[in-house]
PDB file of N, CA and C in Angstrom:
ATOM      1  N   MET A   1     127.779 -91.536   8.161  1.00  0.00           N
ATOM      2  CA  MET A   1     128.773 -92.003   7.229  1.00  0.00           C
ATOM      3  C   MET A   1     128.155 -92.032   5.839  1.00  0.00           C
ATOM      4  N   THR A   2     128.906 -91.563   4.833  1.00  0.00           N
ATOM      5  CA  THR A   2     128.439 -91.535   3.461  1.00  0.00           C
ATOM      6  C   THR A   2     128.783 -92.849   2.788  1.00  0.00           C
ATOM      7  N   ILE A   3     127.843 -93.381   2.045  1.00  0.00           N
ATOM      8  CA  ILE A   3     128.059 -94.627   1.312  1.00  0.00           C
ATOM      9  C   ILE A   3     127.841 -94.328  -0.164  1.00  0.00           C
ATOM     10  N   PHE A   4     128.768 -94.784  -0.983  1.00  0.00           N
ATOM     11  CA  PHE A   4     128.688 -94.564  -2.421  1.00  0.00           C
ATOM     12  C   PHE A   4     128.309 -95.863  -3.110  1.00  0.00           C
ATOM     13  N   ASP A   5     127.326 -95.809  -3.966  1.00  0.00           N
ATOM     14  CA  ASP A   5     126.910 -96.963  -4.749  1.00  0.00           C
ATOM     15  C   ASP A   5     127.719 -96.958  -6.037  1.00  0.00           C
ATOM     16  N   GLN A   6     128.627 -97.899  -6.167  1.00  0.00           N
ATOM     17  CA  GLN A   6     129.522 -97.922  -7.319  1.00  0.00           C
ATOM     18  C   GLN A   6     129.203 -99.048  -8.293  1.00  0.00           C
ATOM     19  N   ARG A   7     128.033 -99.626  -8.167  1.00  0.00           N
ATOM     20  CA  ARG A   7     127.642-100.681  -9.097  1.00  0.00           C
ATOM     21  C   ARG A   7     127.577-100.146 -10.517  1.00  0.00           C
ATOM     22  N   ASP A   8     127.928-101.001 -11.444  1.00  0.00           N
ATOM     23  CA  ASP A   8     127.844-100.715 -12.877  1.00  0.00           C
ATOM     24  C   ASP A   8     128.748 -99.573 -13.333  1.00  0.00           C
ATOM     25  N   GLN A   9     129.744 -99.224 -12.546  1.00  0.00           N
ATOM     26  CA  GLN A   9     130.697 -98.203 -12.970  1.00  0.00           C
ATOM     27  C   GLN A   9     131.818 -98.868 -13.744  1.00  0.00           C
ATOM     28  N   ASN A  10     132.259 -98.214 -14.799  1.00  0.00           N
ATOM     29  CA  ASN A  10     133.345 -98.730 -15.618  1.00  0.00           C
ATOM     30  C   ASN A  10     134.442 -97.677 -15.655  1.00  0.00           C
ATOM     31  N   VAL A  11     135.495 -97.897 -14.896  1.00  0.00           N
ATOM     32  CA  VAL A  11     136.583 -96.923 -14.800  1.00  0.00           C
ATOM     33  C   VAL A  11     137.632 -97.167 -15.862  1.00  0.00           C
ATOM     34  N   GLY A  12     137.837 -98.406 -16.281  1.00  0.00           N
ATOM     35  CA  GLY A  12     138.891 -98.717 -17.236  1.00  0.00           C
ATOM     36  C   GLY A  12     140.225 -98.761 -16.516  1.00  0.00           C
ATOM     37  N   HIS A  13     141.301 -98.545 -17.265  1.00  0.00           N
ATOM     38  CA  HIS A  13     142.628 -98.556 -16.649  1.00  0.00           C
ATOM     39  C   HIS A  13     142.870 -97.245 -15.928  1.00  0.00           C
ATOM     40  N   GLN A  14     143.393 -97.338 -14.738  1.00  0.00           N
ATOM     41  CA  GLN A  14     143.751 -96.140 -13.991  1.00  0.00           C
ATOM     42  C   GLN A  14     145.035 -96.432 -13.252  1.00  0.00           C
ATOM     43  N   TYR A  15     145.942 -95.466 -13.235  1.00  0.00           N
ATOM     44  CA  TYR A  15     147.207 -95.652 -12.545  1.00  0.00           C
ATOM     45  C   TYR A  15     147.357 -94.576 -11.502  1.00  0.00           C
ATOM     46  N   ASN A  16     147.627 -94.989 -10.278  1.00  0.00           N
ATOM     47  CA  ASN A  16     147.874 -94.042  -9.195  1.00  0.00           C
ATOM     48  C   ASN A  16     149.293 -94.236  -8.701  1.00  0.00           C
ATOM     49  N   ALA A  17     150.085 -93.193  -8.775  1.00  0.00           N
ATOM     50  CA  ALA A  17     151.466 -93.277  -8.307  1.00  0.00           C
ATOM     51  C   ALA A  17     151.482 -93.464  -6.797  1.00  0.00           C
ATOM     52  N   ALA A  18     152.484 -94.147  -6.349  1.00  0.00           N
ATOM     53  CA  ALA A  18     152.610 -94.392  -4.906  1.00  0.00           C
ATOM     54  C   ALA A  18     152.764 -93.073  -4.167  1.00  0.00           C
ATOM     55  N   GLY A  19     152.289 -93.034  -2.938  1.00  0.00           N
ATOM     56  CA  GLY A  19     152.285 -91.805  -2.161  1.00  0.00           C
ATOM     57  C   GLY A  19     153.640 -91.363  -1.655  1.00  0.00           C
ATOM     58  N   HIS A  20     154.683 -92.179  -1.851  1.00  0.00           N
ATOM     59  CA  HIS A  20     155.992 -91.818  -1.310  1.00  0.00           C
ATOM     60  C   HIS A  20     156.752 -90.832  -2.186  1.00  0.00           C
ATOM     61  N   MET A  21     156.226 -90.443  -3.328  1.00  0.00           N
ATOM     62  CA  MET A  21     156.908 -89.488  -4.194  1.00  0.00           C
ATOM     63  C   MET A  21     156.529 -88.079  -3.778  1.00  0.00           C
ATOM     64  N   ASN A  22     157.228 -87.552  -2.821  1.00  0.00           N
ATOM     65  CA  ASN A  22     156.915 -86.220  -2.324  1.00  0.00           C
ATOM     66  C   ASN A  22     158.127 -85.324  -2.527  1.00  0.00           C
ATOM     67  N   PHE A  23     158.126 -84.588  -3.638  1.00  0.00           N
ATOM     68  CA  PHE A  23     159.249 -83.706  -3.941  1.00  0.00           C
ATOM     69  C   PHE A  23     159.316 -82.530  -2.977  1.00  0.00           C
ATOM     70  N   GLY A  24     158.247 -82.271  -2.277  1.00  0.00           N
ATOM     71  CA  GLY A  24     158.230 -81.171  -1.323  1.00  0.00           C
ATOM     72  C   GLY A  24     159.156 -81.386  -0.139  1.00  0.00           C
ATOM     73  N   THR A  25     159.567 -82.630   0.075  1.00  0.00           N
ATOM     74  CA  THR A  25     160.453 -82.936   1.199  1.00  0.00           C
ATOM     75  C   THR A  25     161.921 -82.974   0.800  1.00  0.00           C
ATOM     76  N   THR A  26     162.228 -82.697  -0.450  1.00  0.00           N
ATOM     77  CA  THR A  26     163.625 -82.738  -0.889  1.00  0.00           C
ATOM     78  C   THR A  26     164.354 -81.487  -0.426  1.00  0.00           C
ATOM     79  N   ASN A  27     165.509 -81.709   0.190  1.00  0.00           N
ATOM     80  CA  ASN A  27     166.285 -80.593   0.729  1.00  0.00           C
ATOM     81  C   ASN A  27     167.579 -80.337  -0.026  1.00  0.00           C
ATOM     82  N   ASN A  28     167.940 -81.264  -0.901  1.00  0.00           N
ATOM     83  CA  ASN A  28     169.188 -81.109  -1.634  1.00  0.00           C
ATOM     84  C   ASN A  28     169.104 -81.849  -2.968  1.00  0.00           C
ATOM     85  N   LYS A  29     170.136 -81.678  -3.790  1.00  0.00           N
ATOM     86  CA  LYS A  29     170.132 -82.269  -5.119  1.00  0.00           C
ATOM     87  C   LYS A  29     170.124 -83.796  -5.063  1.00  0.00           C
ATOM     88  N   THR A  30     170.789 -84.381  -4.095  1.00  0.00           N
ATOM     89  CA  THR A  30     170.831 -85.839  -3.978  1.00  0.00           C
ATOM     90  C   THR A  30     169.433 -86.395  -3.731  1.00  0.00           C
ATOM     91  N   ASP A  31     168.696 -85.775  -2.830  1.00  0.00           N
ATOM     92  CA  ASP A  31     167.314 -86.196  -2.573  1.00  0.00           C
ATOM     93  C   ASP A  31     166.449 -86.018  -3.814  1.00  0.00           C
ATOM     94  N   PHE A  32     166.668 -84.918  -4.516  1.00  0.00           N
ATOM     95  CA  PHE A  32     165.900 -84.645  -5.721  1.00  0.00           C
ATOM     96  C   PHE A  32     166.127 -85.729  -6.768  1.00  0.00           C
ATOM     97  N   VAL A  33     167.385 -86.128  -6.952  1.00  0.00           N
ATOM     98  CA  VAL A  33     167.701 -87.184  -7.922  1.00  0.00           C
ATOM     99  C   VAL A  33     167.024 -88.495  -7.504  1.00  0.00           C
ATOM    100  N   LYS A  34     167.060 -88.812  -6.216  1.00  0.00           N
ATOM    101  CA  LYS A  34     166.398 -90.032  -5.739  1.00  0.00           C
ATOM    102  C   LYS A  34     164.908 -90.001  -6.042  1.00  0.00           C
ATOM    103  N   LYS A  35     164.272 -88.865  -5.825  1.00  0.00           N
ATOM    104  CA  LYS A  35     162.843 -88.737  -6.111  1.00  0.00           C
ATOM    105  C   LYS A  35     162.566 -88.831  -7.610  1.00  0.00           C
ATOM    106  N   LEU A  36     163.455 -88.257  -8.423  1.00  0.00           N
ATOM    107  CA  LEU A  36     163.299 -88.387  -9.870  1.00  0.00           C
ATOM    108  C   LEU A  36     163.396 -89.849 -10.295  1.00  0.00           C
ATOM    109  N   GLU A  37     164.329 -90.574  -9.676  1.00  0.00           N
ATOM    110  CA  GLU A  37     164.474 -91.990  -9.994  1.00  0.00           C
ATOM    111  C   GLU A  37     163.244 -92.785  -9.554  1.00  0.00           C
ATOM    112  N   GLU A  38     162.651 -92.411  -8.419  1.00  0.00           N
ATOM    113  CA  GLU A  38     161.404 -93.046  -7.982  1.00  0.00           C
ATOM    114  C   GLU A  38     160.283 -92.750  -8.969  1.00  0.00           C
ATOM    115  N   LEU A  39     160.223 -91.515  -9.435  1.00  0.00           N
ATOM    116  CA  LEU A  39     159.209 -91.131 -10.406  1.00  0.00           C
ATOM    117  C   LEU A  39     159.399 -91.913 -11.705  1.00  0.00           C
ATOM    118  N   ARG A  40     160.630 -92.067 -12.104  1.00  0.00           N
ATOM    119  CA  ARG A  40     160.927 -92.845 -13.314  1.00  0.00           C
ATOM    120  C   ARG A  40     160.487 -94.298 -13.134  1.00  0.00           C
ATOM    121  N   ALA A  41     160.730 -94.868 -11.958  1.00  0.00           N
ATOM    122  CA  ALA A  41     160.317 -96.248 -11.675  1.00  0.00           C
ATOM    123  C   ALA A  41     158.787 -96.368 -11.680  1.00  0.00           C
ATOM    124  N   GLU A  42     158.104 -95.403 -11.091  1.00  0.00           N
ATOM    125  CA  GLU A  42     156.636 -95.408 -11.084  1.00  0.00           C
ATOM    126  C   GLU A  42     156.093 -95.306 -12.504  1.00  0.00           C
ATOM    127  N   THR A  43     156.730 -94.482 -13.311  1.00  0.00           N
ATOM    128  CA  THR A  43     156.316 -94.335 -14.704  1.00  0.00           C
ATOM    129  C   THR A  43     156.523 -95.639 -15.455  1.00  0.00           C
ATOM    130  N   ASN A  44     157.642 -96.297 -15.204  1.00  0.00           N
ATOM    131  CA  ASN A  44     157.900 -97.591 -15.847  1.00  0.00           C
ATOM    132  C   ASN A  44     156.853 -98.625 -15.444  1.00  0.00           C
ATOM    133  N   GLN A  45     156.388 -98.571 -14.204  1.00  0.00           N
ATOM    134  CA  GLN A  45     155.315 -99.470 -13.771  1.00  0.00           C
ATOM    135  C   GLN A  45     154.028 -99.179 -14.528  1.00  0.00           C
ATOM    136  N   ALA A  46     153.730 -97.914 -14.730  1.00  0.00           N
ATOM    137  CA  ALA A  46     152.530 -97.539 -15.477  1.00  0.00           C
ATOM    138  C   ALA A  46     152.634 -98.012 -16.925  1.00  0.00           C
ATOM    139  N   ILE A  47     153.835 -97.932 -17.481  1.00  0.00           N
ATOM    140  CA  ILE A  47     154.061 -98.395 -18.847  1.00  0.00           C
ATOM    141  C   ILE A  47     153.887 -99.911 -18.907  1.00  0.00           C
ATOM    142  N   SER A  48     154.503-100.621 -17.972  1.00  0.00           N
ATOM    143  CA  SER A  48     154.395-102.083 -17.929  1.00  0.00           C
ATOM    144  C   SER A  48     152.954-102.539 -17.718  1.00  0.00           C
ATOM    145  N   GLY A  49     152.194-101.766 -16.989  1.00  0.00           N
ATOM    146  CA  GLY A  49     150.804-102.098 -16.716  1.00  0.00           C
ATOM    147  C   GLY A  49     149.863-101.784 -17.869  1.00  0.00           C
ATOM    148  N   GLY A  50     150.399-101.236 -18.946  1.00  0.00           N
ATOM    149  CA  GLY A  50     149.585-100.935 -20.110  1.00  0.00           C
ATOM    150  C   GLY A  50     148.830 -99.627 -20.030  1.00  0.00           C
ATOM    151  N   ASN A  51     149.177 -98.782 -19.080  1.00  0.00           N
ATOM    152  CA  ASN A  51     148.488 -97.499 -18.921  1.00  0.00           C
ATOM    153  C   ASN A  51     149.036 -96.402 -19.826  1.00  0.00           C
ATOM    154  N   ILE A  52     150.186 -96.667 -20.434  1.00  0.00           N
ATOM    155  CA  ILE A  52     150.822 -95.690 -21.313  1.00  0.00           C
ATOM    156  C   ILE A  52     151.196 -96.419 -22.598  1.00  0.00           C
ATOM    157  N   ASP A  53     150.764 -95.890 -23.737  1.00  0.00           N
ATOM    158  CA  ASP A  53     151.057 -96.560 -25.007  1.00  0.00           C
ATOM    159  C   ASP A  53     152.538 -96.443 -25.364  1.00  0.00           C
ATOM    160  N   GLU A  54     152.965 -97.256 -26.312  1.00  0.00           N
ATOM    161  CA  GLU A  54     154.388 -97.382 -26.646  1.00  0.00           C
ATOM    162  C   GLU A  54     155.019 -96.079 -27.120  1.00  0.00           C
ATOM    163  N   GLU A  55     154.321 -95.344 -27.968  1.00  0.00           N
ATOM    164  CA  GLU A  55     154.872 -94.091 -28.489  1.00  0.00           C
ATOM    165  C   GLU A  55     155.054 -93.058 -27.377  1.00  0.00           C
ATOM    166  N   ALA A  56     154.043 -92.900 -26.548  1.00  0.00           N
ATOM    167  CA  ALA A  56     154.136 -91.971 -25.428  1.00  0.00           C
ATOM    168  C   ALA A  56     155.206 -92.430 -24.449  1.00  0.00           C
ATOM    169  N   ALA A  57     155.289 -93.733 -24.225  1.00  0.00           N
ATOM    170  CA  ALA A  57     156.280 -94.284 -23.295  1.00  0.00           C
ATOM    171  C   ALA A  57     157.699 -93.936 -23.734  1.00  0.00           C
ATOM    172  N   THR A  58     157.953 -94.022 -25.029  1.00  0.00           N
ATOM    173  CA  THR A  58     159.284 -93.690 -25.551  1.00  0.00           C
ATOM    174  C   THR A  58     159.646 -92.248 -25.228  1.00  0.00           C
ATOM    175  N   ASP A  59     158.717 -91.334 -25.475  1.00  0.00           N
ATOM    176  CA  ASP A  59     158.963 -89.907 -25.212  1.00  0.00           C
ATOM    177  C   ASP A  59     159.150 -89.639 -23.723  1.00  0.00           C
ATOM    178  N   ILE A  60     158.307 -90.251 -22.912  1.00  0.00           N
ATOM    179  CA  ILE A  60     158.369 -90.024 -21.460  1.00  0.00           C
ATOM    180  C   ILE A  60     159.665 -90.573 -20.887  1.00  0.00           C
ATOM    181  N   LYS A  61     160.011 -91.805 -21.262  1.00  0.00           N
ATOM    182  CA  LYS A  61     161.255 -92.421 -20.763  1.00  0.00           C
ATOM    183  C   LYS A  61     162.465 -91.573 -21.139  1.00  0.00           C
ATOM    184  N   TYR A  62     162.516 -91.128 -22.391  1.00  0.00           N
ATOM    185  CA  TYR A  62     163.638 -90.313 -22.842  1.00  0.00           C
ATOM    186  C   TYR A  62     163.781 -89.061 -21.977  1.00  0.00           C
ATOM    187  N   ASN A  63     162.691 -88.354 -21.783  1.00  0.00           N
ATOM    188  CA  ASN A  63     162.752 -87.097 -21.037  1.00  0.00           C
ATOM    189  C   ASN A  63     163.056 -87.307 -19.559  1.00  0.00           C
ATOM    190  N   LEU A  64     162.522 -88.358 -18.972  1.00  0.00           N
ATOM    191  CA  LEU A  64     162.854 -88.637 -17.571  1.00  0.00           C
ATOM    192  C   LEU A  64     164.312 -89.052 -17.432  1.00  0.00           C
ATOM    193  N   ASP A  65     164.793 -89.884 -18.358  1.00  0.00           N
ATOM    194  CA  ASP A  65     166.208 -90.287 -18.320  1.00  0.00           C
ATOM    195  C   ASP A  65     167.125 -89.074 -18.443  1.00  0.00           C
ATOM    196  N   LYS A  66     166.812 -88.182 -19.376  1.00  0.00           N
ATOM    197  CA  LYS A  66     167.640 -86.989 -19.571  1.00  0.00           C
ATOM    198  C   LYS A  66     167.595 -86.075 -18.351  1.00  0.00           C
ATOM    199  N   SER A  67     166.451 -85.962 -17.710  1.00  0.00           N
ATOM    200  CA  SER A  67     166.373 -85.104 -16.524  1.00  0.00           C
ATOM    201  C   SER A  67     167.196 -85.691 -15.377  1.00  0.00           C
ATOM    202  N   VAL A  68     167.171 -87.001 -15.215  1.00  0.00           N
ATOM    203  CA  VAL A  68     167.980 -87.651 -14.173  1.00  0.00           C
ATOM    204  C   VAL A  68     169.461 -87.482 -14.482  1.00  0.00           C
ATOM    205  N   GLN A  69     169.839 -87.709 -15.736  1.00  0.00           N
ATOM    206  CA  GLN A  69     171.249 -87.552 -16.123  1.00  0.00           C
ATOM    207  C   GLN A  69     171.748 -86.138 -15.845  1.00  0.00           C
ATOM    208  N   GLU A  70     170.958 -85.164 -16.206  1.00  0.00           N
ATOM    209  CA  GLU A  70     171.365 -83.766 -15.995  1.00  0.00           C
ATOM    210  C   GLU A  70     171.433 -83.432 -14.509  1.00  0.00           C
ATOM    211  N   ALA A  71     170.459 -83.887 -13.750  1.00  0.00           N
ATOM    212  CA  ALA A  71     170.421 -83.584 -12.311  1.00  0.00           C
ATOM    213  C   ALA A  71     171.611 -84.191 -11.577  1.00  0.00           C
ATOM    214  N   LYS A  72     172.159 -85.278 -12.088  1.00  0.00           N
ATOM    215  CA  LYS A  72     173.302 -85.935 -11.450  1.00  0.00           C
ATOM    216  C   LYS A  72     174.627 -85.214 -11.715  1.00  0.00           C
ATOM    217  N   LYS A  73     174.653 -84.335 -12.685  1.00  0.00           N
ATOM    218  CA  LYS A  73     175.893 -83.641 -13.030  1.00  0.00           C
ATOM    219  C   LYS A  73     176.317 -82.708 -11.903  1.00  0.00           C
ATOM    220  N   LEU A  74     177.632 -82.539 -11.772  1.00  0.00           N
ATOM    221  CA  LEU A  74     178.177 -81.640 -10.753  1.00  0.00           C
ATOM    222  C   LEU A  74     177.651 -80.219 -10.959  1.00  0.00           C
ATOM    223  N   ARG A  75     177.620 -79.782 -12.189  1.00  0.00           N
ATOM    224  CA  ARG A  75     177.095 -78.451 -12.521  1.00  0.00           C
ATOM    225  C   ARG A  75     175.839 -78.612 -13.386  1.00  0.00           C
ATOM    226  N   ALA A  76     174.834 -79.122 -12.786  1.00  0.00           N
ATOM    227  CA  ALA A  76     173.582 -79.374 -13.498  1.00  0.00           C
ATOM    228  C   ALA A  76     172.948 -78.072 -13.967  1.00  0.00           C
ATOM    229  N   ASP A  77     172.348 -78.126 -15.134  1.00  0.00           N
ATOM    230  CA  ASP A  77     171.659 -76.974 -15.704  1.00  0.00           C
ATOM    231  C   ASP A  77     170.164 -77.113 -15.380  1.00  0.00           C
ATOM    232  N   PRO A  78     169.660 -76.317 -14.439  1.00  0.00           N
ATOM    233  CA  PRO A  78     168.256 -76.452 -14.046  1.00  0.00           C
ATOM    234  C   PRO A  78     167.274 -76.231 -15.197  1.00  0.00           C
ATOM    235  N   SER A  79     167.641 -75.409 -16.172  1.00  0.00           N
ATOM    236  CA  SER A  79     166.727 -75.170 -17.295  1.00  0.00           C
ATOM    237  C   SER A  79     166.575 -76.429 -18.153  1.00  0.00           C
ATOM    238  N   LYS A  80     167.630 -77.216 -18.266  1.00  0.00           N
ATOM    239  CA  LYS A  80     167.542 -78.472 -19.023  1.00  0.00           C
ATOM    240  C   LYS A  80     166.676 -79.487 -18.266  1.00  0.00           C
ATOM    241  N   ILE A  81     166.873 -79.566 -16.960  1.00  0.00           N
ATOM    242  CA  ILE A  81     166.063 -80.487 -16.150  1.00  0.00           C
ATOM    243  C   ILE A  81     164.595 -80.113 -16.289  1.00  0.00           C
ATOM    244  N   LYS A  82     164.311 -78.841 -16.123  1.00  0.00           N
ATOM    245  CA  LYS A  82     162.933 -78.355 -16.199  1.00  0.00           C
ATOM    246  C   LYS A  82     162.332 -78.632 -17.573  1.00  0.00           C
ATOM    247  N   SER A  83     163.096 -78.385 -18.619  1.00  0.00           N
ATOM    248  CA  SER A  83     162.605 -78.599 -19.981  1.00  0.00           C
ATOM    249  C   SER A  83     162.226 -80.061 -20.214  1.00  0.00           C
ATOM    250  N   HIS A  84     163.082 -80.972 -19.763  1.00  0.00           N
ATOM    251  CA  HIS A  84     162.790 -82.402 -19.944  1.00  0.00           C
ATOM    252  C   HIS A  84     161.584 -82.836 -19.113  1.00  0.00           C
ATOM    253  N   LEU A  85     161.479 -82.342 -17.902  1.00  0.00           N
ATOM    254  CA  LEU A  85     160.337 -82.702 -17.062  1.00  0.00           C
ATOM    255  C   LEU A  85     159.042 -82.134 -17.639  1.00  0.00           C
ATOM    256  N   GLU A  86     159.099 -80.920 -18.163  1.00  0.00           N
ATOM    257  CA  GLU A  86     157.911 -80.331 -18.780  1.00  0.00           C
ATOM    258  C   GLU A  86     157.492 -81.122 -20.018  1.00  0.00           C
ATOM    259  N   SER A  87     158.465 -81.591 -20.794  1.00  0.00           N
ATOM    260  CA  SER A  87     158.144 -82.395 -21.976  1.00  0.00           C
ATOM    261  C   SER A  87     157.469 -83.705 -21.578  1.00  0.00           C
ATOM    262  N   ALA A  88     157.991 -84.353 -20.542  1.00  0.00           N
ATOM    263  CA  ALA A  88     157.372 -85.600 -20.057  1.00  0.00           C
ATOM    264  C   ALA A  88     155.962 -85.321 -19.551  1.00  0.00           C
ATOM    265  N   ARG A  89     155.792 -84.233 -18.834  1.00  0.00           N
ATOM    266  CA  ARG A  89     154.474 -83.884 -18.297  1.00  0.00           C
ATOM    267  C   ARG A  89     153.483 -83.600 -19.417  1.00  0.00           C
ATOM    268  N   THR A  90     153.927 -82.931 -20.464  1.00  0.00           N
ATOM    269  CA  THR A  90     153.050 -82.628 -21.591  1.00  0.00           C
ATOM    270  C   THR A  90     152.509 -83.906 -22.225  1.00  0.00           C
ATOM    271  N   VAL A  91     153.379 -84.888 -22.400  1.00  0.00           N
ATOM    272  CA  VAL A  91     152.936 -86.166 -22.965  1.00  0.00           C
ATOM    273  C   VAL A  91     151.963 -86.853 -22.015  1.00  0.00           C
ATOM    274  N   LEU A  92     152.291 -86.881 -20.739  1.00  0.00           N
ATOM    275  CA  LEU A  92     151.423 -87.539 -19.755  1.00  0.00           C
ATOM    276  C   LEU A  92     150.054 -86.868 -19.654  1.00  0.00           C
ATOM    277  N   GLN A  93     150.001 -85.563 -19.862  1.00  0.00           N
ATOM    278  CA  GLN A  93     148.738 -84.839 -19.750  1.00  0.00           C
ATOM    279  C   GLN A  93     147.737 -85.269 -20.819  1.00  0.00           C
ATOM    280  N   THR A  94     148.215 -85.843 -21.901  1.00  0.00           N
ATOM    281  CA  THR A  94     147.304 -86.298 -22.959  1.00  0.00           C
ATOM    282  C   THR A  94     146.674 -87.646 -22.616  1.00  0.00           C
ATOM    283  N   LEU A  95     147.158 -88.290 -21.557  1.00  0.00           N
ATOM    284  CA  LEU A  95     146.663 -89.607 -21.168  1.00  0.00           C
ATOM    285  C   LEU A  95     145.779 -89.472 -19.936  1.00  0.00           C
ATOM    286  N   LYS A  96     144.605 -90.026 -19.978  1.00  0.00           N
ATOM    287  CA  LYS A  96     143.646 -89.874 -18.885  1.00  0.00           C
ATOM    288  C   LYS A  96     144.090 -90.545 -17.595  1.00  0.00           C
ATOM    289  N   GLU A  97     144.786 -91.645 -17.696  1.00  0.00           N
ATOM    290  CA  GLU A  97     145.038 -92.490 -16.535  1.00  0.00           C
ATOM    291  C   GLU A  97     146.267 -92.108 -15.723  1.00  0.00           C
ATOM    292  N   THR A  98     146.913 -91.020 -16.027  1.00  0.00           N
ATOM    293  CA  THR A  98     148.207 -90.724 -15.407  1.00  0.00           C
ATOM    294  C   THR A  98     148.218 -89.415 -14.626  1.00  0.00           C
ATOM    295  N   SER A  99     147.099 -88.988 -14.116  1.00  0.00           N
ATOM    296  CA  SER A  99     147.033 -87.681 -13.456  1.00  0.00           C
ATOM    297  C   SER A  99     147.948 -87.590 -12.238  1.00  0.00           C
ATOM    298  N   SER A 100     148.145 -88.703 -11.517  1.00  0.00           N
ATOM    299  CA  SER A 100     149.030 -88.645 -10.345  1.00  0.00           C
ATOM    300  C   SER A 100     150.482 -88.453 -10.767  1.00  0.00           C
ATOM    301  N   LEU A 101     150.872 -89.016 -11.902  1.00  0.00           N
ATOM    302  CA  LEU A 101     152.231 -88.799 -12.410  1.00  0.00           C
ATOM    303  C   LEU A 101     152.394 -87.360 -12.895  1.00  0.00           C
ATOM    304  N   VAL A 102     151.368 -86.821 -13.519  1.00  0.00           N
ATOM    305  CA  VAL A 102     151.403 -85.426 -13.971  1.00  0.00           C
ATOM    306  C   VAL A 102     151.578 -84.499 -12.768  1.00  0.00           C
ATOM    307  N   ALA A 103     150.843 -84.777 -11.705  1.00  0.00           N
ATOM    308  CA  ALA A 103     150.948 -83.958 -10.489  1.00  0.00           C
ATOM    309  C   ALA A 103     152.347 -84.047  -9.887  1.00  0.00           C
ATOM    310  N   ALA A 104     152.914 -85.253  -9.842  1.00  0.00           N
ATOM    311  CA  ALA A 104     154.262 -85.429  -9.289  1.00  0.00           C
ATOM    312  C   ALA A 104     155.288 -84.669 -10.121  1.00  0.00           C
ATOM    313  N   LEU A 105     155.136 -84.686 -11.434  1.00  0.00           N
ATOM    314  CA  LEU A 105     156.048 -83.926 -12.288  1.00  0.00           C
ATOM    315  C   LEU A 105     155.919 -82.426 -12.045  1.00  0.00           C
ATOM    316  N   GLY A 106     154.715 -81.957 -11.840  1.00  0.00           N
ATOM    317  CA  GLY A 106     154.510 -80.536 -11.551  1.00  0.00           C
ATOM    318  C   GLY A 106     155.220 -80.102 -10.285  1.00  0.00           C
ATOM    319  N   VAL A 107     155.148 -80.923  -9.261  1.00  0.00           N
ATOM    320  CA  VAL A 107     155.829 -80.603  -8.007  1.00  0.00           C
ATOM    321  C   VAL A 107     157.342 -80.648  -8.201  1.00  0.00           C
ATOM    322  N   ALA A 108     157.815 -81.623  -8.984  1.00  0.00           N
ATOM    323  CA  ALA A 108     159.256 -81.720  -9.258  1.00  0.00           C
ATOM    324  C   ALA A 108     159.746 -80.473  -9.990  1.00  0.00           C
ATOM    325  N   ILE A 109     158.984 -80.025 -10.964  1.00  0.00           N
ATOM    326  CA  ILE A 109     159.364 -78.834 -11.716  1.00  0.00           C
ATOM    327  C   ILE A 109     159.443 -77.618 -10.794  1.00  0.00           C
ATOM    328  N   ASN A 110     158.513 -77.492  -9.884  1.00  0.00           N
ATOM    329  CA  ASN A 110     158.525 -76.369  -8.948  1.00  0.00           C
ATOM    330  C   ASN A 110     159.691 -76.448  -7.959  1.00  0.00           C
ATOM    331  N   ALA A 111     160.149 -77.654  -7.650  1.00  0.00           N
ATOM    332  CA  ALA A 111     161.241 -77.823  -6.691  1.00  0.00           C
ATOM    333  C   ALA A 111     162.596 -77.464  -7.273  1.00  0.00           C
ATOM    334  N   ILE A 112     162.720 -77.445  -8.582  1.00  0.00           N
ATOM    335  CA  ILE A 112     164.010 -77.203  -9.239  1.00  0.00           C
ATOM    336  C   ILE A 112     164.622 -75.885  -8.805  1.00  0.00           C
ATOM    337  N   GLN A 113     163.842 -74.826  -8.796  1.00  0.00           N
ATOM    338  CA  GLN A 113     164.384 -73.497  -8.496  1.00  0.00           C
ATOM    339  C   GLN A 113     165.053 -73.427  -7.122  1.00  0.00           C
ATOM    340  N   SER A 114     164.508 -74.086  -6.154  1.00  0.00           N
ATOM    341  CA  SER A 114     165.072 -73.979  -4.821  1.00  0.00           C
ATOM    342  C   SER A 114     166.280 -74.895  -4.612  1.00  0.00           C
ATOM    343  N   LEU A 115     166.476 -75.852  -5.507  1.00  0.00           N
ATOM    344  CA  LEU A 115     167.553 -76.827  -5.306  1.00  0.00           C
ATOM    345  C   LEU A 115     168.752 -76.612  -6.213  1.00  0.00           C
ATOM    346  N   PHE A 116     168.569 -75.946  -7.340  1.00  0.00           N
ATOM    347  CA  PHE A 116     169.684 -75.809  -8.286  1.00  0.00           C
ATOM    348  C   PHE A 116     170.056 -74.361  -8.501  1.00  0.00           C
TER     349      PHE A 116
END
């Protein structure tokens, strides 16, 4: 068994999204919207926890809200959803502590083509 000595390590703030956000299991638009809403909730937790600064939080919230709104439409435009998710991901990529959210957004973006 491997043992890691982690004494004197300083990680700082780190946010790990919950493991239940798996866009790979979405089979329809309704499931996709639910997963987007979960992602939005996880992002809000990261914001509340101080892992995302106020300016970045504003941009991320806006883009996630717009992607959810568009995905809920009867005739949703997948290019708009993708654009908003990519914008949110771009902002998150500048923050060190949000790699799990960045990964979840990447999977969501890839799932768009098969669902819309």
